[in-house]
Amino acid sequence: MILMFGSISAAMTYYSRMNMPETTRYTALVAKNAKQAAKDMSKVLQVEIQQHHFHCGVLDSDVLW
């Protein structure tokens, strides 16, 4: 009986973590998918975020940091 309750909560935790998106930082920098990162942040912040065409670690001449 106790094992059954433990397995239900473990299954619910596994299911929720599989459906949870990666962090936007990981998606943009490691997976190199800025479009998906912008889409995920748009969902979280409930605003439209557009993808910028920056190269990670390289400064464009038009960009002032």
N, C-alpha and C. Protein backbone atom coordinates (compact mmCIF):
# COMPACT_ATOMS: atom_id res chain seq x y z
N MET A 1 0.82 -1.19 0.00
CA MET A 1 0.00 0.00 0.00
C MET A 1 0.88 1.27 0.00
N ILE A 2 1.88 1.32 0.87
CA ILE A 2 2.78 2.47 0.94
C ILE A 2 3.57 2.59 -0.35
N LEU A 3 4.00 1.46 -0.88
CA LEU A 3 4.74 1.45 -2.14
C LEU A 3 3.90 2.01 -3.28
N MET A 4 2.60 1.70 -3.26
CA MET A 4 1.70 2.18 -4.31
C MET A 4 1.60 3.71 -4.27
N PHE A 5 1.46 4.29 -3.08
CA PHE A 5 1.37 5.75 -2.97
C PHE A 5 2.68 6.42 -3.37
N GLY A 6 3.78 5.82 -3.05
CA GLY A 6 5.08 6.36 -3.44
C GLY A 6 5.29 6.33 -4.94
N SER A 7 4.81 5.27 -5.57
CA SER A 7 4.99 5.17 -7.02
C SER A 7 4.09 6.15 -7.77
N ILE A 8 2.93 6.46 -7.20
CA ILE A 8 2.03 7.44 -7.85
C ILE A 8 2.66 8.82 -7.83
N SER A 9 3.20 9.22 -6.69
CA SER A 9 3.82 10.55 -6.62
C SER A 9 5.08 10.62 -7.48
N ALA A 10 5.84 9.52 -7.56
CA ALA A 10 7.01 9.49 -8.43
C ALA A 10 6.61 9.60 -9.89
N ALA A 11 5.55 8.95 -10.29
CA ALA A 11 5.07 9.02 -11.67
C ALA A 11 4.58 10.42 -12.02
N MET A 12 3.90 11.06 -11.09
CA MET A 12 3.41 12.43 -11.33
C MET A 12 4.59 13.40 -11.45
N THR A 13 5.61 13.22 -10.62
CA THR A 13 6.79 14.07 -10.69
C THR A 13 7.53 13.87 -12.00
N TYR A 14 7.70 12.64 -12.42
CA TYR A 14 8.37 12.34 -13.68
C TYR A 14 7.61 12.95 -14.85
N TYR A 15 6.29 12.80 -14.87
CA TYR A 15 5.46 13.35 -15.96
C TYR A 15 5.58 14.88 -16.01
N SER A 16 5.52 15.53 -14.84
CA SER A 16 5.59 17.00 -14.85
C SER A 16 6.97 17.49 -15.29
N ARG A 17 8.03 16.80 -14.91
CA ARG A 17 9.38 17.22 -15.32
C ARG A 17 9.64 16.95 -16.79
N MET A 18 9.01 15.95 -17.37
CA MET A 18 9.18 15.69 -18.80
C MET A 18 8.46 16.73 -19.65
N ASN A 19 7.39 17.31 -19.12
CA ASN A 19 6.64 18.32 -19.86
C ASN A 19 7.13 19.73 -19.61
N MET A 20 8.04 19.90 -18.66
CA MET A 20 8.58 21.22 -18.33
C MET A 20 9.66 21.60 -19.36
N PRO A 21 9.57 22.79 -19.94
CA PRO A 21 10.59 23.18 -20.93
C PRO A 21 11.94 23.45 -20.27
N GLU A 22 12.99 23.36 -21.07
CA GLU A 22 14.33 23.71 -20.59
C GLU A 22 14.37 25.20 -20.31
N THR A 23 15.36 25.63 -19.55
CA THR A 23 15.51 27.06 -19.31
C THR A 23 15.89 27.74 -20.62
N THR A 24 15.51 28.98 -20.75
CA THR A 24 15.79 29.69 -22.00
C THR A 24 17.28 29.91 -22.20
N ARG A 25 18.01 30.06 -21.11
CA ARG A 25 19.46 30.24 -21.24
C ARG A 25 20.09 28.98 -21.84
N TYR A 26 19.69 27.80 -21.37
CA TYR A 26 20.21 26.55 -21.93
C TYR A 26 19.81 26.41 -23.39
N THR A 27 18.54 26.69 -23.68
CA THR A 27 18.05 26.55 -25.05
C THR A 27 18.80 27.48 -26.00
N ALA A 28 19.06 28.71 -25.58
CA ALA A 28 19.70 29.68 -26.47
C ALA A 28 21.20 29.44 -26.60
N LEU A 29 21.89 29.20 -25.48
CA LEU A 29 23.35 29.14 -25.51
C LEU A 29 23.91 27.75 -25.80
N VAL A 30 23.37 26.72 -25.17
CA VAL A 30 23.92 25.38 -25.33
C VAL A 30 23.31 24.68 -26.53
N ALA A 31 21.97 24.69 -26.62
CA ALA A 31 21.31 24.04 -27.74
C ALA A 31 21.35 24.91 -29.01
N LYS A 32 21.73 26.18 -28.85
CA LYS A 32 21.83 27.14 -29.96
C LYS A 32 20.52 27.25 -30.76
N ASN A 33 19.41 27.37 -30.00
CA ASN A 33 18.10 27.49 -30.62
C ASN A 33 17.43 28.74 -30.05
N ALA A 34 17.81 29.89 -30.57
CA ALA A 34 17.30 31.16 -30.05
C ALA A 34 15.82 31.34 -30.35
N LYS A 35 15.37 30.77 -31.45
CA LYS A 35 13.95 30.90 -31.80
C LYS A 35 13.07 30.21 -30.76
N GLN A 36 13.45 29.00 -30.33
CA GLN A 36 12.68 28.28 -29.31
C GLN A 36 12.80 28.99 -27.96
N ALA A 37 13.96 29.54 -27.65
CA ALA A 37 14.14 30.28 -26.39
C ALA A 37 13.22 31.50 -26.35
N ALA A 38 13.12 32.22 -27.45
CA ALA A 38 12.23 33.39 -27.51
C ALA A 38 10.78 32.96 -27.38
N LYS A 39 10.44 31.83 -27.97
CA LYS A 39 9.07 31.32 -27.89
C LYS A 39 8.73 30.93 -26.45
N ASP A 40 9.66 30.27 -25.76
CA ASP A 40 9.43 29.87 -24.37
C ASP A 40 9.29 31.09 -23.46
N MET A 41 10.13 32.10 -23.66
CA MET A 41 10.03 33.31 -22.84
C MET A 41 8.74 34.08 -23.12
N SER A 42 8.26 34.02 -24.34
CA SER A 42 7.00 34.67 -24.67
C SER A 42 5.86 34.04 -23.88
N LYS A 43 5.90 32.73 -23.72
CA LYS A 43 4.87 32.04 -22.94
C LYS A 43 4.94 32.45 -21.48
N VAL A 44 6.14 32.50 -20.93
CA VAL A 44 6.31 32.80 -19.50
C VAL A 44 5.94 34.24 -19.19
N LEU A 45 6.44 35.18 -19.98
CA LEU A 45 6.23 36.60 -19.70
C LEU A 45 4.93 37.14 -20.28
N GLN A 46 4.28 36.36 -21.13
CA GLN A 46 3.04 36.74 -21.81
C GLN A 46 3.20 38.02 -22.62
N VAL A 47 4.35 38.16 -23.26
CA VAL A 47 4.62 39.24 -24.21
C VAL A 47 5.33 38.62 -25.40
N GLU A 48 5.28 39.30 -26.52
CA GLU A 48 5.95 38.77 -27.71
C GLU A 48 7.41 39.18 -27.71
N ILE A 49 8.28 38.20 -27.81
CA ILE A 49 9.72 38.44 -27.84
C ILE A 49 10.22 38.00 -29.20
N GLN A 50 10.97 38.86 -29.84
CA GLN A 50 11.50 38.52 -31.15
C GLN A 50 12.94 38.05 -31.04
N GLN A 51 13.29 37.15 -31.92
CA GLN A 51 14.65 36.60 -31.93
C GLN A 51 15.60 37.64 -32.50
N HIS A 52 16.72 37.87 -31.82
CA HIS A 52 17.77 38.74 -32.33
C HIS A 52 18.84 37.88 -32.95
N HIS A 53 19.47 38.37 -33.95
CA HIS A 53 20.50 37.61 -34.65
C HIS A 53 21.88 37.98 -34.13
N PHE A 54 22.15 37.66 -32.89
CA PHE A 54 23.45 37.89 -32.28
C PHE A 54 24.20 36.58 -32.25
N HIS A 55 25.48 36.66 -32.39
CA HIS A 55 26.32 35.49 -32.22
C HIS A 55 26.81 35.50 -30.78
N CYS A 56 26.72 34.38 -30.13
CA CYS A 56 27.11 34.29 -28.72
C CYS A 56 28.60 34.57 -28.58
N GLY A 57 28.93 35.53 -27.75
CA GLY A 57 30.32 35.84 -27.48
C GLY A 57 30.95 36.77 -28.50
N VAL A 58 30.25 37.13 -29.56
CA VAL A 58 30.79 38.01 -30.59
C VAL A 58 29.93 39.26 -30.63
N LEU A 59 30.56 40.41 -30.52
CA LEU A 59 29.83 41.66 -30.57
C LEU A 59 29.69 42.13 -32.01
N ASP A 60 28.44 42.48 -32.36
CA ASP A 60 28.22 43.09 -33.68
C ASP A 60 28.61 44.56 -33.60
N SER A 61 28.96 45.15 -34.71
CA SER A 61 29.41 46.54 -34.71
C SER A 61 28.26 47.50 -34.38
N ASP A 62 27.00 47.09 -34.62
CA ASP A 62 25.86 47.97 -34.36
C ASP A 62 25.40 47.90 -32.90
N VAL A 63 25.86 46.93 -32.17
CA VAL A 63 25.35 46.70 -30.82
C VAL A 63 26.24 47.40 -29.81
N LEU A 64 25.63 48.19 -28.94
CA LEU A 64 26.38 48.84 -27.87
C LEU A 64 26.03 48.14 -26.58
N TRP A 65 27.00 47.66 -25.87
CA TRP A 65 26.73 46.96 -24.61
C TRP A 65 26.91 47.90 -23.51
